[in-house]
Amino acid sequence: MTLYYTLVFALLAIESIAFVILILPFPVTWRRAMLRWISKSPLVEKAQYILKFAFVYEKTSNATNRTYSVKHENEDITTRTESSYHAKKFYNQRNIILNRTCVLIAEMLKSEDQLEALKKQAKNQSKEYHRVNESESKLQTEIERLSVELEEYRKKAMNFDNLKKQADNQHKEYVRLTDDYNKLLDERENRTEPKKEQ
């Protein structure tokens, strides 16, 4: 029993020291940082979890020891002490059951908190999935539209290339015809000039 009271006293002393530290006139930013660390620190969460189990374990072991000691006292039972014996036995067994129930409830509450967190996460992921799915479908339609435009531009570019080739060919033909025409003119002038000289 003294170990249990020692643990309770130690916890009370630690809580008192923490309270005194928290009420000291620190700057607001320091105090916020401390409180944020205390509320979100996995170390503090583990310490709380361990303390819960330590106290419940201590109370359970204490109740179990008392139950066994009461069972061994049954040799000295008389009719006057029999009701007292059964009451002690009942209270000790009740304490064992209550302590184990506390552990079970603590585990259930922690599991429910985790379940709620997972549900919220799943809901957020579902919303995110729908948002991503929508944006993907929008992007797909945009890709299809741009593919059609690209095809049109390719056709226009091909038509432009064909037109450019035709223009090149026509220009070459024009240059060739011009050269031929100039040659013919030169030949004609060359023929007419010798006749004038005669």
N, C-alpha and C. Protein backbone atom coordinates (compact mmCIF):
# COMPACT_ATOMS: atom_id res chain seq x y z
N MET A 1 0.82 -1.19 0.00
CA MET A 1 0.00 0.00 0.00
C MET A 1 0.86 1.26 0.00
N THR A 2 2.02 1.20 0.64
CA THR A 2 2.85 2.41 0.71
C THR A 2 3.39 2.78 -0.66
N LEU A 3 3.68 1.79 -1.50
CA LEU A 3 4.16 2.09 -2.85
C LEU A 3 3.11 2.87 -3.63
N TYR A 4 1.87 2.47 -3.48
CA TYR A 4 0.78 3.17 -4.16
C TYR A 4 0.69 4.61 -3.69
N TYR A 5 0.75 4.83 -2.40
CA TYR A 5 0.69 6.20 -1.87
C TYR A 5 1.93 7.00 -2.25
N THR A 6 3.07 6.34 -2.33
CA THR A 6 4.30 7.02 -2.75
C THR A 6 4.16 7.48 -4.20
N LEU A 7 3.62 6.61 -5.05
CA LEU A 7 3.41 6.99 -6.45
C LEU A 7 2.44 8.16 -6.57
N VAL A 8 1.37 8.13 -5.80
CA VAL A 8 0.39 9.22 -5.83
C VAL A 8 1.03 10.51 -5.36
N PHE A 9 1.82 10.45 -4.29
CA PHE A 9 2.48 11.65 -3.78
C PHE A 9 3.49 12.19 -4.80
N ALA A 10 4.25 11.31 -5.44
CA ALA A 10 5.22 11.74 -6.44
C ALA A 10 4.51 12.42 -7.61
N LEU A 11 3.41 11.86 -8.06
CA LEU A 11 2.65 12.47 -9.15
C LEU A 11 2.10 13.83 -8.74
N LEU A 12 1.60 13.93 -7.51
CA LEU A 12 1.08 15.20 -7.01
C LEU A 12 2.19 16.24 -6.94
N ALA A 13 3.39 15.84 -6.49
CA ALA A 13 4.52 16.77 -6.41
C ALA A 13 4.93 17.23 -7.81
N ILE A 14 4.98 16.32 -8.76
CA ILE A 14 5.34 16.69 -10.14
C ILE A 14 4.31 17.64 -10.73
N GLU A 15 3.03 17.36 -10.50
CA GLU A 15 1.98 18.25 -11.00
C GLU A 15 2.07 19.62 -10.35
N SER A 16 2.39 19.69 -9.06
CA SER A 16 2.52 20.98 -8.37
C SER A 16 3.68 21.78 -8.94
N ILE A 17 4.80 21.12 -9.17
CA ILE A 17 5.97 21.80 -9.75
C ILE A 17 5.64 22.30 -11.16
N ALA A 18 4.97 21.47 -11.96
CA ALA A 18 4.59 21.89 -13.31
C ALA A 18 3.64 23.07 -13.27
N PHE A 19 2.70 23.07 -12.33
CA PHE A 19 1.76 24.18 -12.19
C PHE A 19 2.49 25.47 -11.82
N VAL A 20 3.43 25.37 -10.88
CA VAL A 20 4.20 26.56 -10.46
C VAL A 20 5.00 27.09 -11.65
N ILE A 21 5.59 26.20 -12.43
CA ILE A 21 6.35 26.64 -13.61
C ILE A 21 5.43 27.33 -14.60
N LEU A 22 4.23 26.80 -14.78
CA LEU A 22 3.31 27.38 -15.76
C LEU A 22 2.77 28.74 -15.33
N ILE A 23 2.68 29.00 -14.01
CA ILE A 23 2.13 30.29 -13.59
C ILE A 23 3.21 31.36 -13.42
N LEU A 24 4.49 30.99 -13.60
CA LEU A 24 5.55 32.00 -13.54
C LEU A 24 5.35 33.00 -14.68
N PRO A 25 5.77 34.25 -14.48
CA PRO A 25 5.53 35.28 -15.52
C PRO A 25 6.51 35.17 -16.70
N PHE A 26 6.33 34.16 -17.51
CA PHE A 26 7.12 34.01 -18.73
C PHE A 26 6.50 34.85 -19.84
N PRO A 27 7.29 35.19 -20.87
CA PRO A 27 6.69 35.84 -22.04
C PRO A 27 5.63 34.93 -22.66
N VAL A 28 4.68 35.56 -23.31
CA VAL A 28 3.54 34.82 -23.86
C VAL A 28 4.01 33.78 -24.88
N THR A 29 5.00 34.13 -25.68
CA THR A 29 5.46 33.18 -26.70
C THR A 29 6.07 31.94 -26.06
N TRP A 30 6.82 32.13 -24.95
CA TRP A 30 7.40 30.97 -24.26
C TRP A 30 6.30 30.10 -23.68
N ARG A 31 5.32 30.76 -23.06
CA ARG A 31 4.24 30.01 -22.43
C ARG A 31 3.46 29.22 -23.49
N ARG A 32 3.18 29.88 -24.63
CA ARG A 32 2.48 29.18 -25.71
C ARG A 32 3.28 27.98 -26.20
N ALA A 33 4.59 28.21 -26.35
CA ALA A 33 5.45 27.12 -26.82
C ALA A 33 5.44 25.95 -25.84
N MET A 34 5.49 26.26 -24.53
CA MET A 34 5.45 25.19 -23.52
C MET A 34 4.13 24.44 -23.57
N LEU A 35 3.03 25.18 -23.62
CA LEU A 35 1.72 24.53 -23.64
C LEU A 35 1.52 23.72 -24.91
N ARG A 36 2.01 24.24 -26.04
CA ARG A 36 1.90 23.51 -27.29
C ARG A 36 2.72 22.22 -27.22
N TRP A 37 3.92 22.32 -26.62
CA TRP A 37 4.75 21.13 -26.48
C TRP A 37 4.08 20.10 -25.57
N ILE A 38 3.50 20.58 -24.47
CA ILE A 38 2.84 19.67 -23.53
C ILE A 38 1.64 19.00 -24.18
N SER A 39 0.88 19.76 -24.96
CA SER A 39 -0.35 19.20 -25.54
C SER A 39 -0.07 18.29 -26.74
N LYS A 40 1.04 18.52 -27.45
CA LYS A 40 1.27 17.76 -28.68
C LYS A 40 2.47 16.83 -28.61
N SER A 41 3.17 16.82 -27.50
CA SER A 41 4.38 16.01 -27.41
C SER A 41 4.05 14.53 -27.28
N PRO A 42 4.66 13.70 -28.13
CA PRO A 42 4.43 12.26 -27.99
C PRO A 42 5.05 11.72 -26.70
N LEU A 43 6.09 12.40 -26.21
CA LEU A 43 6.72 11.99 -24.96
C LEU A 43 5.75 12.14 -23.79
N VAL A 44 5.06 13.27 -23.73
CA VAL A 44 4.09 13.51 -22.66
C VAL A 44 2.93 12.53 -22.79
N GLU A 45 2.50 12.27 -24.01
CA GLU A 45 1.40 11.32 -24.22
C GLU A 45 1.79 9.92 -23.75
N LYS A 46 3.02 9.51 -24.06
CA LYS A 46 3.48 8.19 -23.60
C LYS A 46 3.59 8.16 -22.09
N ALA A 47 4.06 9.27 -21.49
CA ALA A 47 4.18 9.32 -20.03
C ALA A 47 2.81 9.18 -19.38
N GLN A 48 1.81 9.87 -19.93
CA GLN A 48 0.46 9.75 -19.38
C GLN A 48 -0.06 8.32 -19.51
N TYR A 49 0.19 7.72 -20.64
CA TYR A 49 -0.26 6.36 -20.87
C TYR A 49 0.41 5.39 -19.89
N ILE A 50 1.72 5.56 -19.71
CA ILE A 50 2.47 4.70 -18.78
C ILE A 50 1.99 4.91 -17.35
N LEU A 51 1.76 6.17 -16.97
CA LEU A 51 1.28 6.44 -15.61
C LEU A 51 -0.08 5.81 -15.36
N LYS A 52 -0.96 5.89 -16.35
CA LYS A 52 -2.27 5.25 -16.18
C LYS A 52 -2.11 3.76 -15.90
N PHE A 53 -1.29 3.11 -16.72
CA PHE A 53 -1.11 1.68 -16.53
C PHE A 53 -0.37 1.36 -15.24
N ALA A 54 0.59 2.22 -14.86
CA ALA A 54 1.32 1.98 -13.61
C ALA A 54 0.37 2.03 -12.42
N PHE A 55 -0.49 3.04 -12.38
CA PHE A 55 -1.42 3.15 -11.25
C PHE A 55 -2.44 2.02 -11.26
N VAL A 56 -2.95 1.70 -12.42
CA VAL A 56 -3.94 0.62 -12.48
C VAL A 56 -3.27 -0.71 -12.12
N TYR A 57 -2.04 -0.91 -12.61
CA TYR A 57 -1.33 -2.15 -12.27
C TYR A 57 -1.07 -2.22 -10.77
N GLU A 58 -0.64 -1.10 -10.19
CA GLU A 58 -0.37 -1.07 -8.74
C GLU A 58 -1.64 -1.38 -7.95
N LYS A 59 -2.74 -0.75 -8.34
CA LYS A 59 -4.00 -1.00 -7.63
C LYS A 59 -4.45 -2.45 -7.81
N THR A 60 -4.27 -2.99 -9.01
CA THR A 60 -4.67 -4.38 -9.26
C THR A 60 -3.81 -5.34 -8.45
N SER A 61 -2.50 -5.10 -8.46
CA SER A 61 -1.63 -6.00 -7.68
C SER A 61 -1.94 -5.88 -6.18
N ASN A 62 -2.22 -4.67 -5.73
CA ASN A 62 -2.58 -4.48 -4.32
C ASN A 62 -3.87 -5.23 -3.99
N ALA A 63 -4.87 -5.11 -4.86
CA ALA A 63 -6.14 -5.81 -4.62
C ALA A 63 -5.96 -7.32 -4.68
N THR A 64 -5.11 -7.79 -5.60
CA THR A 64 -4.84 -9.23 -5.69
C THR A 64 -4.16 -9.73 -4.43
N ASN A 65 -3.16 -8.98 -3.95
CA ASN A 65 -2.47 -9.37 -2.71
C ASN A 65 -3.44 -9.41 -1.53
N ARG A 66 -4.30 -8.43 -1.46
CA ARG A 66 -5.28 -8.41 -0.37
C ARG A 66 -6.23 -9.61 -0.47
N THR A 67 -6.63 -9.94 -1.70
CA THR A 67 -7.53 -11.08 -1.88
C THR A 67 -6.87 -12.37 -1.41
N TYR A 68 -5.60 -12.55 -1.79
CA TYR A 68 -4.90 -13.76 -1.36
C TYR A 68 -4.68 -13.77 0.15
N SER A 69 -4.40 -12.60 0.73
CA SER A 69 -4.21 -12.57 2.19
C SER A 69 -5.53 -12.85 2.91
N VAL A 70 -6.64 -12.37 2.35
CA VAL A 70 -7.94 -12.65 2.96
C VAL A 70 -8.26 -14.14 2.84
N LYS A 71 -7.89 -14.75 1.70
CA LYS A 71 -8.14 -16.19 1.54
C LYS A 71 -7.37 -17.00 2.57
N HIS A 72 -6.16 -16.54 2.91
CA HIS A 72 -5.35 -17.27 3.88
C HIS A 72 -5.80 -17.00 5.32
N GLU A 73 -6.61 -15.99 5.52
CA GLU A 73 -7.12 -15.69 6.86
C GLU A 73 -8.30 -16.59 7.23
N ASN A 74 -8.80 -17.36 6.30
CA ASN A 74 -10.01 -18.13 6.55
C ASN A 74 -9.83 -19.20 7.63
N GLU A 75 -8.59 -19.44 8.06
CA GLU A 75 -8.37 -20.41 9.13
C GLU A 75 -8.87 -19.89 10.47
N ASP A 76 -8.81 -18.57 10.63
CA ASP A 76 -9.20 -17.97 11.91
C ASP A 76 -10.64 -17.48 11.90
N ILE A 77 -11.44 -17.95 10.98
CA ILE A 77 -12.81 -17.44 10.86
C ILE A 77 -13.70 -18.09 11.91
N THR A 78 -14.46 -17.22 12.53
CA THR A 78 -15.51 -17.69 13.44
C THR A 78 -16.83 -17.20 12.86
N THR A 79 -17.91 -17.57 13.49
CA THR A 79 -19.21 -17.14 12.97
C THR A 79 -19.38 -15.64 13.07
N ARG A 80 -18.72 -15.01 14.04
CA ARG A 80 -18.83 -13.55 14.17
C ARG A 80 -18.03 -12.82 13.09
N THR A 81 -16.90 -13.37 12.69
CA THR A 81 -16.04 -12.70 11.71
C THR A 81 -16.30 -13.16 10.28
N GLU A 82 -17.21 -14.11 10.10
CA GLU A 82 -17.47 -14.64 8.77
C GLU A 82 -18.01 -13.57 7.82
N SER A 83 -18.95 -12.76 8.28
CA SER A 83 -19.50 -11.71 7.40
C SER A 83 -18.42 -10.68 7.05
N SER A 84 -17.57 -10.37 8.01
CA SER A 84 -16.46 -9.44 7.75
C SER A 84 -15.50 -10.04 6.72
N TYR A 85 -15.22 -11.33 6.85
CA TYR A 85 -14.34 -12.03 5.91
C TYR A 85 -14.92 -11.98 4.50
N HIS A 86 -16.19 -12.30 4.36
CA HIS A 86 -16.82 -12.29 3.03
C HIS A 86 -16.89 -10.88 2.45
N ALA A 87 -17.11 -9.89 3.30
CA ALA A 87 -17.14 -8.50 2.82
C ALA A 87 -15.77 -8.09 2.30
N LYS A 88 -14.69 -8.41 3.04
CA LYS A 88 -13.33 -8.09 2.59
C LYS A 88 -13.03 -8.78 1.26
N LYS A 89 -13.40 -10.06 1.20
CA LYS A 89 -13.16 -10.83 -0.02
C LYS A 89 -13.93 -10.21 -1.19
N PHE A 90 -15.18 -9.85 -0.96
CA PHE A 90 -16.00 -9.24 -2.00
C PHE A 90 -15.39 -7.91 -2.45
N TYR A 91 -14.98 -7.04 -1.50
CA TYR A 91 -14.42 -5.73 -1.86
C TYR A 91 -13.12 -5.88 -2.64
N ASN A 92 -12.29 -6.82 -2.24
CA ASN A 92 -11.03 -7.01 -2.95
C ASN A 92 -11.25 -7.55 -4.36
N GLN A 93 -12.18 -8.49 -4.49
CA GLN A 93 -12.49 -9.00 -5.83
C GLN A 93 -13.13 -7.91 -6.69
N ARG A 94 -13.96 -7.08 -6.06
CA ARG A 94 -14.57 -5.96 -6.78
C ARG A 94 -13.49 -5.00 -7.27
N ASN A 95 -12.49 -4.71 -6.42
CA ASN A 95 -11.40 -3.81 -6.83
C ASN A 95 -10.62 -4.38 -8.00
N ILE A 96 -10.38 -5.68 -7.99
CA ILE A 96 -9.67 -6.30 -9.12
C ILE A 96 -10.48 -6.12 -10.40
N ILE A 97 -11.76 -6.41 -10.32
CA ILE A 97 -12.61 -6.29 -11.51
C ILE A 97 -12.68 -4.84 -11.98
N LEU A 98 -12.81 -3.89 -11.04
CA LEU A 98 -12.88 -2.48 -11.42
C LEU A 98 -11.58 -2.02 -12.08
N ASN A 99 -10.45 -2.45 -11.54
CA ASN A 99 -9.17 -2.04 -12.13
C ASN A 99 -9.01 -2.61 -13.53
N ARG A 100 -9.36 -3.85 -13.71
CA ARG A 100 -9.25 -4.44 -15.05
C ARG A 100 -10.24 -3.78 -16.01
N THR A 101 -11.40 -3.42 -15.49
CA THR A 101 -12.38 -2.71 -16.32
C THR A 101 -11.85 -1.34 -16.71
N CYS A 102 -11.14 -0.68 -15.78
CA CYS A 102 -10.55 0.63 -16.10
C CYS A 102 -9.54 0.51 -17.23
N VAL A 103 -8.72 -0.54 -17.18
CA VAL A 103 -7.75 -0.76 -18.26
C VAL A 103 -8.48 -0.99 -19.58
N LEU A 104 -9.52 -1.80 -19.53
CA LEU A 104 -10.29 -2.09 -20.74
C LEU A 104 -10.93 -0.82 -21.29
N ILE A 105 -11.52 -0.01 -20.40
CA ILE A 105 -12.16 1.23 -20.84
C ILE A 105 -11.14 2.19 -21.42
N ALA A 106 -9.97 2.28 -20.76
CA ALA A 106 -8.92 3.17 -21.28
C ALA A 106 -8.49 2.74 -22.68
N GLU A 107 -8.32 1.45 -22.87
CA GLU A 107 -7.95 0.95 -24.19
C GLU A 107 -9.05 1.20 -25.21
N MET A 108 -10.30 1.02 -24.78
CA MET A 108 -11.42 1.26 -25.70
C MET A 108 -11.50 2.73 -26.09
N LEU A 109 -11.30 3.62 -25.12
CA LEU A 109 -11.34 5.06 -25.43
C LEU A 109 -10.22 5.44 -26.38
N LYS A 110 -9.04 4.89 -26.14
CA LYS A 110 -7.92 5.19 -27.03
C LYS A 110 -8.20 4.65 -28.43
N SER A 111 -8.77 3.45 -28.50
CA SER A 111 -9.10 2.87 -29.80
C SER A 111 -10.18 3.68 -30.51
N GLU A 112 -11.16 4.19 -29.75
CA GLU A 112 -12.20 5.02 -30.36
C GLU A 112 -11.62 6.33 -30.88
N ASP A 113 -10.68 6.92 -30.13
CA ASP A 113 -10.03 8.13 -30.61
C ASP A 113 -9.28 7.86 -31.91
N GLN A 114 -8.56 6.75 -31.94
CA GLN A 114 -7.84 6.40 -33.16
C GLN A 114 -8.81 6.15 -34.31
N LEU A 115 -9.93 5.51 -34.01
CA LEU A 115 -10.94 5.25 -35.03
C LEU A 115 -11.51 6.55 -35.58
N GLU A 116 -11.82 7.50 -34.70
CA GLU A 116 -12.33 8.79 -35.14
C GLU A 116 -11.30 9.51 -36.01
N ALA A 117 -10.03 9.46 -35.58
CA ALA A 117 -8.98 10.10 -36.37
C ALA A 117 -8.88 9.44 -37.74
N LEU A 118 -8.97 8.12 -37.79
CA LEU A 118 -8.91 7.42 -39.07
C LEU A 118 -10.12 7.74 -39.95
N LYS A 119 -11.30 7.89 -39.32
CA LYS A 119 -12.49 8.25 -40.10
C LYS A 119 -12.33 9.64 -40.71
N LYS A 120 -11.83 10.59 -39.90
CA LYS A 120 -11.61 11.94 -40.43
C LYS A 120 -10.59 11.91 -41.56
N GLN A 121 -9.53 11.13 -41.35
CA GLN A 121 -8.50 11.03 -42.38
C GLN A 121 -9.08 10.41 -43.65
N ALA A 122 -9.90 9.37 -43.48
CA ALA A 122 -10.51 8.73 -44.65
C ALA A 122 -11.46 9.70 -45.37
N LYS A 123 -12.21 10.49 -44.59
CA LYS A 123 -13.12 11.46 -45.19
C LYS A 123 -12.34 12.50 -45.97
N ASN A 124 -11.25 13.00 -45.37
CA ASN A 124 -10.42 13.98 -46.07
C ASN A 124 -9.79 13.38 -47.31
N GLN A 125 -9.34 12.12 -47.19
CA GLN A 125 -8.75 11.48 -48.35
C GLN A 125 -9.80 11.24 -49.43
N SER A 126 -11.03 10.95 -49.01
CA SER A 126 -12.11 10.76 -49.98
C SER A 126 -12.38 12.06 -50.73
N LYS A 127 -12.45 13.17 -49.96
CA LYS A 127 -12.64 14.47 -50.61
C LYS A 127 -11.49 14.77 -51.54
N GLU A 128 -10.28 14.50 -51.08
CA GLU A 128 -9.10 14.75 -51.91
C GLU A 128 -9.13 13.88 -53.15
N TYR A 129 -9.57 12.62 -53.00
CA TYR A 129 -9.66 11.72 -54.14
C TYR A 129 -10.65 12.25 -55.17
N HIS A 130 -11.82 12.71 -54.69
CA HIS A 130 -12.82 13.25 -55.62
C HIS A 130 -12.29 14.51 -56.30
N ARG A 131 -11.59 15.35 -55.54
CA ARG A 131 -11.04 16.57 -56.12
C ARG A 131 -10.00 16.22 -57.19
N VAL A 132 -9.12 15.27 -56.87
CA VAL A 132 -8.09 14.86 -57.82
C VAL A 132 -8.74 14.20 -59.04
N ASN A 133 -9.77 13.41 -58.80
CA ASN A 133 -10.48 12.75 -59.89
C ASN A 133 -11.12 13.78 -60.82
N GLU A 134 -11.74 14.80 -60.22
CA GLU A 134 -12.34 15.88 -61.02
C GLU A 134 -11.29 16.60 -61.83
N SER A 135 -10.19 16.96 -61.17
CA SER A 135 -9.15 17.69 -61.89
C SER A 135 -8.53 16.81 -62.98
N GLU A 136 -8.45 15.50 -62.72
CA GLU A 136 -7.92 14.60 -63.73
C GLU A 136 -8.85 14.55 -64.94
N SER A 137 -10.17 14.51 -64.70
CA SER A 137 -11.10 14.48 -65.83
C SER A 137 -11.06 15.80 -66.59
N LYS A 138 -10.93 16.92 -65.86
CA LYS A 138 -10.79 18.21 -66.54
C LYS A 138 -9.53 18.24 -67.38
N LEU A 139 -8.44 17.74 -66.80
CA LEU A 139 -7.18 17.71 -67.55
C LEU A 139 -7.29 16.79 -68.76
N GLN A 140 -8.02 15.70 -68.61
CA GLN A 140 -8.19 14.77 -69.74
C GLN A 140 -8.96 15.45 -70.87
N THR A 141 -10.04 16.17 -70.53
CA THR A 141 -10.78 16.88 -71.58
C THR A 141 -9.92 17.97 -72.20
N GLU A 142 -9.11 18.63 -71.38
CA GLU A 142 -8.20 19.66 -71.90
C GLU A 142 -7.18 19.04 -72.84
N ILE A 143 -6.67 17.86 -72.46
CA ILE A 143 -5.70 17.16 -73.32
C ILE A 143 -6.35 16.79 -74.65
N GLU A 144 -7.58 16.29 -74.59
CA GLU A 144 -8.28 15.93 -75.83
C GLU A 144 -8.50 17.16 -76.70
N ARG A 145 -8.91 18.27 -76.09
CA ARG A 145 -9.13 19.50 -76.85
C ARG A 145 -7.82 19.98 -77.48
N LEU A 146 -6.75 19.93 -76.69
CA LEU A 146 -5.45 20.37 -77.21
C LEU A 146 -4.94 19.41 -78.29
N SER A 147 -5.26 18.12 -78.17
CA SER A 147 -4.86 17.16 -79.20
C SER A 147 -5.55 17.48 -80.52
N VAL A 148 -6.84 17.83 -80.44
CA VAL A 148 -7.58 18.20 -81.65
C VAL A 148 -6.96 19.46 -82.26
N GLU A 149 -6.67 20.44 -81.41
CA GLU A 149 -6.05 21.68 -81.91
C GLU A 149 -4.69 21.39 -82.53
N LEU A 150 -3.92 20.51 -81.88
CA LEU A 150 -2.60 20.16 -82.41
C LEU A 150 -2.73 19.50 -83.78
N GLU A 151 -3.70 18.62 -83.91
CA GLU A 151 -3.94 17.97 -85.20
C GLU A 151 -4.29 19.01 -86.27
N GLU A 152 -5.15 19.98 -85.89
CA GLU A 152 -5.51 21.03 -86.84
C GLU A 152 -4.28 21.84 -87.23
N TYR A 153 -3.45 22.17 -86.24
CA TYR A 153 -2.23 22.93 -86.54
C TYR A 153 -1.27 22.12 -87.41
N ARG A 154 -1.22 20.82 -87.17
CA ARG A 154 -0.36 19.98 -88.01
C ARG A 154 -0.86 19.98 -89.46
N LYS A 155 -2.19 19.88 -89.60
CA LYS A 155 -2.76 19.93 -90.96
C LYS A 155 -2.47 21.27 -91.62
N LYS A 156 -2.65 22.35 -90.82
CA LYS A 156 -2.36 23.68 -91.37
C LYS A 156 -0.89 23.81 -91.72
N ALA A 157 -0.02 23.26 -90.85
CA ALA A 157 1.42 23.31 -91.13
C ALA A 157 1.74 22.50 -92.38
N MET A 158 1.09 21.34 -92.53
CA MET A 158 1.30 20.53 -93.71
C MET A 158 0.82 21.27 -94.95
N ASN A 159 -0.35 21.91 -94.86
CA ASN A 159 -0.87 22.70 -95.98
C ASN A 159 0.07 23.85 -96.28
N PHE A 160 0.59 24.47 -95.21
CA PHE A 160 1.53 25.57 -95.40
C PHE A 160 2.80 25.07 -96.07
N ASP A 161 3.29 23.89 -95.63
CA ASP A 161 4.48 23.32 -96.27
C ASP A 161 4.22 23.02 -97.74
N ASN A 162 3.04 22.45 -98.01
CA ASN A 162 2.69 22.17 -99.41
C ASN A 162 2.62 23.46 -100.22
N LEU A 163 2.00 24.47 -99.62
CA LEU A 163 1.89 25.76 -100.30
C LEU A 163 3.27 26.37 -100.53
N LYS A 164 4.15 26.21 -99.52
CA LYS A 164 5.51 26.74 -99.63
C LYS A 164 6.26 26.01 -100.75
N LYS A 165 6.08 24.67 -100.81
CA LYS A 165 6.74 23.90 -101.88
C LYS A 165 6.20 24.32 -103.25
N GLN A 166 4.88 24.51 -103.32
CA GLN A 166 4.30 24.95 -104.59
C GLN A 166 4.85 26.32 -104.98
N ALA A 167 4.93 27.21 -103.98
CA ALA A 167 5.46 28.55 -104.27
C ALA A 167 6.91 28.46 -104.71
N ASP A 168 7.70 27.57 -104.04
CA ASP A 168 9.10 27.38 -104.43
C ASP A 168 9.18 26.87 -105.87
N ASN A 169 8.36 25.86 -106.14
CA ASN A 169 8.36 25.29 -107.50
C ASN A 169 7.94 26.33 -108.53
N GLN A 170 6.92 27.12 -108.21
CA GLN A 170 6.47 28.16 -109.13
C GLN A 170 7.55 29.22 -109.31
N HIS A 171 8.23 29.56 -108.21
CA HIS A 171 9.30 30.55 -108.30
C HIS A 171 10.44 30.02 -109.19
N LYS A 172 10.80 28.73 -108.95
CA LYS A 172 11.86 28.13 -109.77
C LYS A 172 11.44 28.10 -111.24
N GLU A 173 10.18 27.74 -111.44
CA GLU A 173 9.66 27.70 -112.81
C GLU A 173 9.67 29.11 -113.43
N TYR A 174 9.29 30.10 -112.61
CA TYR A 174 9.29 31.48 -113.08
C TYR A 174 10.71 31.93 -113.43
N VAL A 175 11.65 31.58 -112.53
CA VAL A 175 13.06 31.95 -112.78
C VAL A 175 13.54 31.24 -114.04
N ARG A 176 13.22 29.96 -114.20
CA ARG A 176 13.64 29.22 -115.38
C ARG A 176 13.03 29.84 -116.65
N LEU A 177 11.73 30.14 -116.57
CA LEU A 177 11.08 30.74 -117.74
C LEU A 177 11.65 32.13 -118.04
N THR A 178 11.95 32.86 -116.97
CA THR A 178 12.55 34.19 -117.17
C THR A 178 13.92 34.06 -117.81
N ASP A 179 14.69 33.09 -117.33
CA ASP A 179 16.01 32.86 -117.92
C ASP A 179 15.87 32.45 -119.39
N ASP A 180 14.93 31.55 -119.65
CA ASP A 180 14.70 31.14 -121.04
C ASP A 180 14.27 32.33 -121.90
N TYR A 181 13.41 33.13 -121.34
CA TYR A 181 12.94 34.31 -122.07
C TYR A 181 14.10 35.25 -122.35
N ASN A 182 14.91 35.46 -121.33
CA ASN A 182 16.08 36.34 -121.51
C ASN A 182 17.04 35.76 -122.54
N LYS A 183 17.22 34.45 -122.51
CA LYS A 183 18.09 33.82 -123.50
C LYS A 183 17.53 34.02 -124.91
N LEU A 184 16.24 33.82 -125.01
CA LEU A 184 15.60 34.00 -126.31
C LEU A 184 15.72 35.45 -126.78
N LEU A 185 15.55 36.37 -125.86
CA LEU A 185 15.71 37.77 -126.22
C LEU A 185 17.14 38.06 -126.65
N ASP A 186 18.08 37.50 -125.91
CA ASP A 186 19.49 37.69 -126.25
C ASP A 186 19.79 37.10 -127.62
N GLU A 187 19.27 35.92 -127.86
CA GLU A 187 19.49 35.29 -129.15
C GLU A 187 18.85 36.11 -130.27
N ARG A 188 17.72 36.63 -130.03
CA ARG A 188 17.02 37.43 -131.02
C ARG A 188 17.79 38.72 -131.30
N GLU A 189 18.27 39.33 -130.24
CA GLU A 189 19.06 40.54 -130.43
C GLU A 189 20.35 40.23 -131.15
N ASN A 190 20.94 39.10 -130.80
CA ASN A 190 22.19 38.70 -131.46
C ASN A 190 21.93 38.42 -132.94
N ARG A 191 20.83 37.94 -133.32
CA ARG A 191 20.51 37.67 -134.71
C ARG A 191 20.22 38.97 -135.46
N THR A 192 19.55 39.85 -134.81
CA THR A 192 19.20 41.08 -135.48
C THR A 192 20.40 42.00 -135.61
N GLU A 193 21.30 41.98 -134.74
CA GLU A 193 22.47 42.84 -134.80
C GLU A 193 23.37 42.48 -135.98
N PRO A 194 23.64 41.21 -136.26
CA PRO A 194 24.48 40.91 -137.42
C PRO A 194 23.81 41.34 -138.72
N LYS A 195 22.54 41.30 -138.83
CA LYS A 195 21.87 41.71 -140.05
C LYS A 195 22.03 43.19 -140.26
N LYS A 196 22.01 43.96 -139.20
CA LYS A 196 22.15 45.40 -139.32
C LYS A 196 23.54 45.75 -139.80
N GLU A 197 24.49 44.98 -139.40
CA GLU A 197 25.86 45.26 -139.76
C GLU A 197 26.08 44.97 -141.24
N GLN A 198 25.39 44.10 -141.84
CA GLN A 198 25.59 43.74 -143.24
C GLN A 198 24.97 44.78 -144.07
